[in-house]
Amino acid sequence: FDADTALRMGFVQEVVPFGQEIDRAIELARKI
């Protein structure tokens, strides 16, 4: 199953365009 299905189920919390995922995780980490 794909990322959109995973997001709908609550399996993952955010879906971003490929190439942005690590930067987005670090951005969230900085907010935490």
Full PDB file with SEQRES, HELIX, SHEET, SSBOND, CRYST1, ORIGX, SCALE, CONECT and MASTER records, all heavy atoms in Angstrom:
SEQRES   1 A   32  PHE ASP ALA ASP THR ALA LEU ARG MET GLY PHE VAL GLN          
SEQRES   2 A   32  GLU VAL VAL PRO PHE GLY GLN GLU ILE ASP ARG ALA ILE          
SEQRES   3 A   32  GLU LEU ALA ARG LYS ILE                                      
HELIX    1 AA1 ALA A    3  MET A    9  1                                   7    
HELIX    2 AA2 GLU A   21  LYS A   31  1                                  11    
CRYST1    1.000    1.000    1.000  90.00  90.00  90.00 P 1           1          
ORIGX1      1.000000  0.000000  0.000000        0.00000                         
ORIGX2      0.000000  1.000000  0.000000        0.00000                         
ORIGX3      0.000000  0.000000  1.000000        0.00000                         
SCALE1      1.000000  0.000000  0.000000        0.00000                         
SCALE2      0.000000  1.000000  0.000000        0.00000                         
SCALE3      0.000000  0.000000  1.000000        0.00000                         
ATOM      1  N   PHE A   1       0.841  -1.197   0.000  1.00  0.00           N  
ATOM      2  CA  PHE A   1       0.000   0.000   0.000  1.00  0.00           C  
ATOM      3  C   PHE A   1       0.876   1.246   0.000  1.00  0.00           C  
ATOM      4  O   PHE A   1       2.055   1.206   0.365  1.00  0.00           O  
ATOM      5  CB  PHE A   1      -0.990  -0.005   1.163  1.00  0.00           C  
ATOM      6  CG  PHE A   1      -0.388  -0.169   2.537  1.00  0.00           C  
ATOM      7  CD1 PHE A   1      -0.119   0.928   3.340  1.00  0.00           C  
ATOM      8  CD2 PHE A   1      -0.110  -1.437   3.039  1.00  0.00           C  
ATOM      9  CE1 PHE A   1       0.410   0.771   4.613  1.00  0.00           C  
ATOM     10  CE2 PHE A   1       0.418  -1.604   4.316  1.00  0.00           C  
ATOM     11  CZ  PHE A   1       0.688  -0.502   5.100  1.00  0.00           C  
ATOM     12  N   ASP A   2       0.266   2.361  -0.441  1.00  0.00           N  
ATOM     13  CA  ASP A   2       1.051   3.563  -0.687  1.00  0.00           C  
ATOM     14  C   ASP A   2       0.975   4.547   0.479  1.00  0.00           C  
ATOM     15  O   ASP A   2       0.324   4.304   1.499  1.00  0.00           O  
ATOM     16  CB  ASP A   2       0.615   4.232  -1.997  1.00  0.00           C  
ATOM     17  CG  ASP A   2      -0.849   4.679  -1.974  1.00  0.00           C  
ATOM     18  OD1 ASP A   2      -1.455   4.759  -0.879  1.00  0.00           O  
ATOM     19  OD2 ASP A   2      -1.386   4.959  -3.060  1.00  0.00           O  
ATOM     20  N   ALA A   3       1.669   5.674   0.301  1.00  0.00           N  
ATOM     21  CA  ALA A   3       1.781   6.658   1.378  1.00  0.00           C  
ATOM     22  C   ALA A   3       0.440   7.293   1.714  1.00  0.00           C  
ATOM     23  O   ALA A   3       0.157   7.573   2.884  1.00  0.00           O  
ATOM     24  CB  ALA A   3       2.798   7.732   0.987  1.00  0.00           C  
ATOM     25  N   ASP A   4      -0.403   7.543   0.703  1.00  0.00           N  
ATOM     26  CA  ASP A   4      -1.708   8.147   0.976  1.00  0.00           C  
ATOM     27  C   ASP A   4      -2.581   7.214   1.812  1.00  0.00           C  
ATOM     28  O   ASP A   4      -3.294   7.659   2.723  1.00  0.00           O  
ATOM     29  CB  ASP A   4      -2.410   8.502  -0.335  1.00  0.00           C  
ATOM     30  CG  ASP A   4      -1.789   9.709  -1.028  1.00  0.00           C  
ATOM     31  OD1 ASP A   4      -1.117  10.504  -0.330  1.00  0.00           O  
ATOM     32  OD2 ASP A   4      -1.960   9.856  -2.247  1.00  0.00           O  
ATOM     33  N   THR A   5      -2.527   5.907   1.511  1.00  0.00           N  
ATOM     34  CA  THR A   5      -3.266   4.933   2.324  1.00  0.00           C  
ATOM     35  C   THR A   5      -2.727   4.916   3.744  1.00  0.00           C  
ATOM     36  O   THR A   5      -3.495   4.882   4.719  1.00  0.00           O  
ATOM     37  CB  THR A   5      -3.159   3.533   1.699  1.00  0.00           C  
ATOM     38  OG1 THR A   5      -3.697   3.563   0.374  1.00  0.00           O  
ATOM     39  CG2 THR A   5      -3.909   2.497   2.523  1.00  0.00           C  
ATOM     40  N   ALA A   6      -1.416   4.958   3.867  1.00  0.00           N  
ATOM     41  CA  ALA A   6      -0.790   4.963   5.201  1.00  0.00           C  
ATOM     42  C   ALA A   6      -1.204   6.195   6.000  1.00  0.00           C  
ATOM     43  O   ALA A   6      -1.465   6.109   7.205  1.00  0.00           O  
ATOM     44  CB  ALA A   6       0.728   4.891   5.055  1.00  0.00           C  
ATOM     45  N   LEU A   7      -1.291   7.336   5.342  1.00  0.00           N  
ATOM     46  CA  LEU A   7      -1.700   8.571   6.016  1.00  0.00           C  
ATOM     47  C   LEU A   7      -3.163   8.486   6.453  1.00  0.00           C  
ATOM     48  O   LEU A   7      -3.513   8.864   7.579  1.00  0.00           O  
ATOM     49  CB  LEU A   7      -1.494   9.763   5.082  1.00  0.00           C  
ATOM     50  CG  LEU A   7      -1.852  11.144   5.658  1.00  0.00           C  
ATOM     51  CD1 LEU A   7      -0.935  11.500   6.824  1.00  0.00           C  
ATOM     52  CD2 LEU A   7      -1.775  12.202   4.555  1.00  0.00           C  
ATOM     53  N   ARG A   8      -4.001   7.979   5.587  1.00  0.00           N  
ATOM     54  CA  ARG A   8      -5.428   7.860   5.906  1.00  0.00           C  
ATOM     55  C   ARG A   8      -5.653   6.972   7.128  1.00  0.00           C  
ATOM     56  O   ARG A   8      -6.530   7.232   7.948  1.00  0.00           O  
ATOM     57  CB  ARG A   8      -6.177   7.300   4.688  1.00  0.00           C  
ATOM     58  CG  ARG A   8      -7.638   6.985   4.950  1.00  0.00           C  
ATOM     59  CD  ARG A   8      -8.347   6.545   3.680  1.00  0.00           C  
ATOM     60  NE  ARG A   8      -7.676   5.439   3.009  1.00  0.00           N  
ATOM     61  CZ  ARG A   8      -7.775   4.167   3.388  1.00  0.00           C  
ATOM     62  NH1 ARG A   8      -8.484   3.834   4.457  1.00  0.00           N  
ATOM     63  NH2 ARG A   8      -7.162   3.222   2.699  1.00  0.00           N  
ATOM     64  N   MET A   9      -4.853   5.916   7.263  1.00  0.00           N  
ATOM     65  CA  MET A   9      -5.003   4.993   8.389  1.00  0.00           C  
ATOM     66  C   MET A   9      -4.368   5.499   9.676  1.00  0.00           C  
ATOM     67  O   MET A   9      -4.574   4.922  10.741  1.00  0.00           O  
ATOM     68  CB  MET A   9      -4.356   3.639   8.056  1.00  0.00           C  
ATOM     69  CG  MET A   9      -5.035   2.854   6.968  1.00  0.00           C  
ATOM     70  SD  MET A   9      -4.387   1.164   6.909  1.00  0.00           S  
ATOM     71  CE  MET A   9      -2.643   1.433   6.565  1.00  0.00           C  
ATOM     72  N   GLY A  10      -3.564   6.553   9.603  1.00  0.00           N  
ATOM     73  CA  GLY A  10      -2.815   6.989  10.776  1.00  0.00           C  
ATOM     74  C   GLY A  10      -1.505   6.247  10.956  1.00  0.00           C  
ATOM     75  O   GLY A  10      -0.839   6.366  11.989  1.00  0.00           O  
ATOM     76  N   PHE A  11      -1.129   5.490   9.935  1.00  0.00           N  
ATOM     77  CA  PHE A  11       0.117   4.721   9.942  1.00  0.00           C  
ATOM     78  C   PHE A  11       1.319   5.661   9.919  1.00  0.00           C  
ATOM     79  O   PHE A  11       2.341   5.390  10.535  1.00  0.00           O  
ATOM     80  CB  PHE A  11       0.102   3.829   8.703  1.00  0.00           C  
ATOM     81  CG  PHE A  11       0.883   2.561   8.798  1.00  0.00           C  
ATOM     82  CD1 PHE A  11       0.573   1.598   9.747  1.00  0.00           C  
ATOM     83  CD2 PHE A  11       1.898   2.298   7.892  1.00  0.00           C  
ATOM     84  CE1 PHE A  11       1.277   0.405   9.805  1.00  0.00           C  
ATOM     85  CE2 PHE A  11       2.605   1.104   7.941  1.00  0.00           C  
ATOM     86  CZ  PHE A  11       2.294   0.170   8.904  1.00  0.00           C  
ATOM     87  N   VAL A  12       1.194   6.755   9.157  1.00  0.00           N  
ATOM     88  CA  VAL A  12       2.199   7.819   9.136  1.00  0.00           C  
ATOM     89  C   VAL A  12       1.487   9.131   9.449  1.00  0.00           C  
ATOM     90  O   VAL A  12       0.265   9.227   9.340  1.00  0.00           O  
ATOM     91  CB  VAL A  12       2.930   7.905   7.772  1.00  0.00           C  
ATOM     92  CG1 VAL A  12       3.517   6.561   7.384  1.00  0.00           C  
ATOM     93  CG2 VAL A  12       2.012   8.419   6.668  1.00  0.00           C  
ATOM     94  N   GLN A  13       2.247  10.143   9.839  1.00  0.00           N  
ATOM     95  CA  GLN A  13       1.627  11.401  10.267  1.00  0.00           C  
ATOM     96  C   GLN A  13       1.686  12.497   9.215  1.00  0.00           C  
ATOM     97  O   GLN A  13       0.843  13.390   9.216  1.00  0.00           O  
ATOM     98  CB  GLN A  13       2.301  11.883  11.556  1.00  0.00           C  
ATOM     99  CG  GLN A  13       1.845  11.141  12.800  1.00  0.00           C  
ATOM    100  CD  GLN A  13       2.097   9.643  12.742  1.00  0.00           C  
ATOM    101  OE1 GLN A  13       3.239   9.206  12.715  1.00  0.00           O  
ATOM    102  NE2 GLN A  13       1.033   8.854  12.681  1.00  0.00           N  
ATOM    103  N   GLU A  14       2.674  12.462   8.328  1.00  0.00           N  
ATOM    104  CA  GLU A  14       2.756  13.446   7.246  1.00  0.00           C  
ATOM    105  C   GLU A  14       3.287  12.761   5.989  1.00  0.00           C  
ATOM    106  O   GLU A  14       4.104  11.839   6.076  1.00  0.00           O  
ATOM    107  CB  GLU A  14       3.682  14.606   7.604  1.00  0.00           C  
ATOM    108  CG  GLU A  14       3.143  15.547   8.663  1.00  0.00           C  
ATOM    109  CD  GLU A  14       3.954  16.836   8.747  1.00  0.00           C  
ATOM    110  OE1 GLU A  14       4.786  17.105   7.836  1.00  0.00           O  
ATOM    111  OE2 GLU A  14       3.762  17.586   9.711  1.00  0.00           O  
ATOM    112  N   VAL A  15       2.832  13.245   4.825  1.00  0.00           N  
ATOM    113  CA  VAL A  15       3.371  12.822   3.536  1.00  0.00           C  
ATOM    114  C   VAL A  15       3.833  14.072   2.806  1.00  0.00           C  
ATOM    115  O   VAL A  15       3.086  15.047   2.686  1.00  0.00           O  
ATOM    116  CB  VAL A  15       2.313  12.078   2.700  1.00  0.00           C  
ATOM    117  CG1 VAL A  15       2.870  11.744   1.307  1.00  0.00           C  
ATOM    118  CG2 VAL A  15       1.851  10.811   3.403  1.00  0.00           C  
ATOM    119  N   VAL A  16       5.082  14.039   2.332  1.00  0.00           N  
ATOM    120  CA  VAL A  16       5.665  15.190   1.631  1.00  0.00           C  
ATOM    121  C   VAL A  16       6.272  14.703   0.317  1.00  0.00           C  
ATOM    122  O   VAL A  16       6.519  13.504   0.144  1.00  0.00           O  
ATOM    123  CB  VAL A  16       6.744  15.878   2.490  1.00  0.00           C  
ATOM    124  CG1 VAL A  16       6.146  16.408   3.784  1.00  0.00           C  
ATOM    125  CG2 VAL A  16       7.904  14.938   2.783  1.00  0.00           C  
ATOM    126  N   PRO A  17       6.510  15.608  -0.636  1.00  0.00           N  
ATOM    127  CA  PRO A  17       7.153  15.196  -1.889  1.00  0.00           C  
ATOM    128  C   PRO A  17       8.515  14.560  -1.644  1.00  0.00           C  
ATOM    129  O   PRO A  17       9.258  14.989  -0.753  1.00  0.00           O  
ATOM    130  CB  PRO A  17       7.272  16.505  -2.675  1.00  0.00           C  
ATOM    131  CG  PRO A  17       6.188  17.381  -2.116  1.00  0.00           C  
ATOM    132  CD  PRO A  17       6.124  17.037  -0.659  1.00  0.00           C  
ATOM    133  N   PHE A  18       8.830  13.542  -2.448  1.00  0.00           N  
ATOM    134  CA  PHE A  18      10.126  12.866  -2.308  1.00  0.00           C  
ATOM    135  C   PHE A  18      11.259  13.885  -2.397  1.00  0.00           C  
ATOM    136  O   PHE A  18      11.274  14.769  -3.248  1.00  0.00           O  
ATOM    137  CB  PHE A  18      10.300  11.820  -3.402  1.00  0.00           C  
ATOM    138  CG  PHE A  18      11.662  11.175  -3.391  1.00  0.00           C  
ATOM    139  CD1 PHE A  18      12.028  10.309  -2.377  1.00  0.00           C  
ATOM    140  CD2 PHE A  18      12.593  11.468  -4.393  1.00  0.00           C  
ATOM    141  CE1 PHE A  18      13.286   9.727  -2.350  1.00  0.00           C  
ATOM    142  CE2 PHE A  18      13.851  10.885  -4.383  1.00  0.00           C  
ATOM    143  CZ  PHE A  18      14.202  10.003  -3.350  1.00  0.00           C  
ATOM    144  N   GLY A  19      12.218  13.752  -1.516  1.00  0.00           N  
ATOM    145  CA  GLY A  19      13.343  14.671  -1.441  1.00  0.00           C  
ATOM    146  C   GLY A  19      13.209  15.684  -0.327  1.00  0.00           C  
ATOM    147  O   GLY A  19      14.185  16.321   0.076  1.00  0.00           O  
ATOM    148  N   GLN A  20      11.989  15.829   0.193  1.00  0.00           N  
ATOM    149  CA  GLN A  20      11.751  16.788   1.273  1.00  0.00           C  
ATOM    150  C   GLN A  20      11.568  16.121   2.635  1.00  0.00           C  
ATOM    151  O   GLN A  20      11.455  16.792   3.658  1.00  0.00           O  
ATOM    152  CB  GLN A  20      10.509  17.632   0.957  1.00  0.00           C  
ATOM    153  CG  GLN A  20      10.624  18.466  -0.304  1.00  0.00           C  
ATOM    154  CD  GLN A  20       9.367  19.286  -0.573  1.00  0.00           C  
ATOM    155  OE1 GLN A  20       8.566  19.549   0.325  1.00  0.00           O  
ATOM    156  NE2 GLN A  20       9.190  19.692  -1.824  1.00  0.00           N  
ATOM    157  N   GLU A  21      11.542  14.776   2.654  1.00  0.00           N  
ATOM    158  CA  GLU A  21      11.141  14.066   3.868  1.00  0.00           C  
ATOM    159  C   GLU A  21      12.119  14.240   5.030  1.00  0.00           C  
ATOM    160  O   GLU A  21      11.705  14.416   6.186  1.00  0.00           O  
ATOM    161  CB  GLU A  21      10.902  12.578   3.561  1.00  0.00           C  
ATOM    162  CG  GLU A  21      12.105  11.817   3.033  1.00  0.00           C  
ATOM    163  CD  GLU A  21      12.302  11.925   1.520  1.00  0.00           C  
ATOM    164  OE1 GLU A  21      11.581  12.722   0.873  1.00  0.00           O  
ATOM    165  OE2 GLU A  21      13.174  11.200   1.004  1.00  0.00           O  
ATOM    166  N   ILE A  22      13.422  14.209   4.757  1.00  0.00           N  
ATOM    167  CA  ILE A  22      14.384  14.346   5.855  1.00  0.00           C  
ATOM    168  C   ILE A  22      14.383  15.773   6.386  1.00  0.00           C  
ATOM    169  O   ILE A  22      14.384  16.000   7.610  1.00  0.00           O  
ATOM    170  CB  ILE A  22      15.788  13.904   5.409  1.00  0.00           C  
ATOM    171  CG1 ILE A  22      15.793  12.410   5.076  1.00  0.00           C  
ATOM    172  CG2 ILE A  22      16.819  14.210   6.502  1.00  0.00           C  
ATOM    173  CD1 ILE A  22      17.118  11.885   4.545  1.00  0.00           C  
ATOM    174  N   ASP A  23      14.355  16.746   5.485  1.00  0.00           N  
ATOM    175  CA  ASP A  23      14.314  18.144   5.921  1.00  0.00           C  
ATOM    176  C   ASP A  23      13.070  18.411   6.769  1.00  0.00           C  
ATOM    177  O   ASP A  23      13.128  19.143   7.764  1.00  0.00           O  
ATOM    178  CB  ASP A  23      14.336  19.081   4.719  1.00  0.00           C  
ATOM    179  CG  ASP A  23      15.691  19.130   4.031  1.00  0.00           C  
ATOM    180  OD1 ASP A  23      16.689  18.715   4.662  1.00  0.00           O  
ATOM    181  OD2 ASP A  23      15.752  19.578   2.870  1.00  0.00           O  
ATOM    182  N   ARG A  24      11.937  17.826   6.359  1.00  0.00           N  
ATOM    183  CA  ARG A  24      10.706  18.046   7.116  1.00  0.00           C  
ATOM    184  C   ARG A  24      10.809  17.407   8.511  1.00  0.00           C  
ATOM    185  O   ARG A  24      10.373  18.009   9.500  1.00  0.00           O  
ATOM    186  CB  ARG A  24       9.507  17.468   6.366  1.00  0.00           C  
ATOM    187  CG  ARG A  24       8.179  17.573   7.110  1.00  0.00           C  
ATOM    188  CD  ARG A  24       7.864  19.001   7.517  1.00  0.00           C  
ATOM    189  NE  ARG A  24       6.583  19.090   8.219  1.00  0.00           N  
ATOM    190  CZ  ARG A  24       6.221  20.104   9.008  1.00  0.00           C  
ATOM    191  NH1 ARG A  24       7.055  21.130   9.200  1.00  0.00           N  
ATOM    192  NH2 ARG A  24       5.034  20.102   9.593  1.00  0.00           N  
ATOM    193  N   ALA A  25      11.404  16.235   8.593  1.00  0.00           N  
ATOM    194  CA  ALA A  25      11.568  15.585   9.894  1.00  0.00           C  
ATOM    195  C   ALA A  25      12.476  16.407  10.805  1.00  0.00           C  
ATOM    196  O   ALA A  25      12.189  16.572  12.005  1.00  0.00           O  
ATOM    197  CB  ALA A  25      12.133  14.185   9.718  1.00  0.00           C  
ATOM    198  N   ILE A  26      13.549  16.960  10.253  1.00  0.00           N  
ATOM    199  CA  ILE A  26      14.440  17.798  11.053  1.00  0.00           C  
ATOM    200  C   ILE A  26      13.727  19.073  11.482  1.00  0.00           C  
ATOM    201  O   ILE A  26      13.897  19.548  12.621  1.00  0.00           O  
ATOM    202  CB  ILE A  26      15.733  18.100  10.272  1.00  0.00           C  
ATOM    203  CG1 ILE A  26      16.560  16.814  10.114  1.00  0.00           C  
ATOM    204  CG2 ILE A  26      16.558  19.179  10.965  1.00  0.00           C  
ATOM    205  CD1 ILE A  26      17.776  16.948   9.226  1.00  0.00           C  
ATOM    206  N   GLU A  27      12.886  19.625  10.586  1.00  0.00           N  
ATOM    207  CA  GLU A  27      12.092  20.802  10.955  1.00  0.00           C  
ATOM    208  C   GLU A  27      11.167  20.492  12.136  1.00  0.00           C  
ATOM    209  O   GLU A  27      11.055  21.284  13.089  1.00  0.00           O  
ATOM    210  CB  GLU A  27      11.275  21.254   9.744  1.00  0.00           C  
ATOM    211  CG  GLU A  27      10.424  22.487  10.006  1.00  0.00           C  
ATOM    212  CD  GLU A  27       9.567  22.868   8.805  1.00  0.00           C  
ATOM    213  OE1 GLU A  27       9.607  22.162   7.772  1.00  0.00           O  
ATOM    214  OE2 GLU A  27       8.841  23.879   8.900  1.00  0.00           O  
ATOM    215  N   LEU A  28      10.504  19.341  12.095  1.00  0.00           N  
ATOM    216  CA  LEU A  28       9.647  18.938  13.212  1.00  0.00           C  
ATOM    217  C   LEU A  28      10.460  18.733  14.485  1.00  0.00           C  
ATOM    218  O   LEU A  28      10.028  19.116  15.581  1.00  0.00           O  
ATOM    219  CB  LEU A  28       8.889  17.660  12.862  1.00  0.00           C  
ATOM    220  CG  LEU A  28       7.801  17.766  11.798  1.00  0.00           C  
ATOM    221  CD1 LEU A  28       7.271  16.378  11.451  1.00  0.00           C  
ATOM    222  CD2 LEU A  28       6.667  18.666  12.259  1.00  0.00           C  
ATOM    223  N   ALA A  29      11.630  18.123  14.331  1.00  0.00           N  
ATOM    224  CA  ALA A  29      12.489  17.899  15.499  1.00  0.00           C  
ATOM    225  C   ALA A  29      12.888  19.227  16.145  1.00  0.00           C  
ATOM    226  O   ALA A  29      12.894  19.346  17.385  1.00  0.00           O  
ATOM    227  CB  ALA A  29      13.728  17.110  15.084  1.00  0.00           C  
ATOM    228  N   ARG A  30      13.189  20.221  15.331  1.00  0.00           N  
ATOM    229  CA  ARG A  30      13.564  21.530  15.874  1.00  0.00           C  
ATOM    230  C   ARG A  30      12.390  22.173  16.613  1.00  0.00           C  
ATOM    231  O   ARG A  30      12.573  22.827  17.642  1.00  0.00           O  
ATOM    232  CB  ARG A  30      14.068  22.438  14.758  1.00  0.00           C  
ATOM    233  CG  ARG A  30      15.465  22.032  14.261  1.00  0.00           C  
ATOM    234  CD  ARG A  30      15.951  22.898  13.136  1.00  0.00           C  
ATOM    235  NE  ARG A  30      17.309  22.513  12.752  1.00  0.00           N  
ATOM    236  CZ  ARG A  30      17.768  22.539  11.513  1.00  0.00           C  
ATOM    237  NH1 ARG A  30      16.986  22.933  10.514  1.00  0.00           N  
ATOM    238  NH2 ARG A  30      19.011  22.162  11.255  1.00  0.00           N  
ATOM    239  N   LYS A  31      11.189  21.976  16.100  1.00  0.00           N  
ATOM    240  CA  LYS A  31      10.011  22.509  16.788  1.00  0.00           C  
ATOM    241  C   LYS A  31       9.813  21.816  18.131  1.00  0.00           C  
ATOM    242  O   LYS A  31       9.466  22.457  19.128  1.00  0.00           O  
ATOM    243  CB  LYS A  31       8.769  22.335  15.902  1.00  0.00           C  
ATOM    244  CG  LYS A  31       8.731  23.270  14.701  1.00  0.00           C  
ATOM    245  CD  LYS A  31       7.449  23.104  13.906  1.00  0.00           C  
ATOM    246  CE  LYS A  31       7.404  24.072  12.734  1.00  0.00           C  
ATOM    247  NZ  LYS A  31       6.145  23.923  11.940  1.00  0.00           N  
ATOM    248  N   ILE A  32      10.021  20.499  18.146  1.00  0.00           N  
ATOM    249  CA  ILE A  32       9.910  19.769  19.415  1.00  0.00           C  
ATOM    250  C   ILE A  32      10.946  20.275  20.408  1.00  0.00           C  
ATOM    251  O   ILE A  32      10.676  20.391  21.614  1.00  0.00           O  
ATOM    252  CB  ILE A  32      10.053  18.256  19.174  1.00  0.00           C  
ATOM    253  CG1 ILE A  32       8.857  17.730  18.363  1.00  0.00           C  
ATOM    254  CG2 ILE A  32      10.169  17.498  20.499  1.00  0.00           C  
ATOM    255  CD1 ILE A  32       9.008  16.288  17.905  1.00  0.00           C  
TER     256      ILE A  32                                                      
MASTER        0    0    0    2    0    0    0    6  255    1    0    3          
END                                                                             
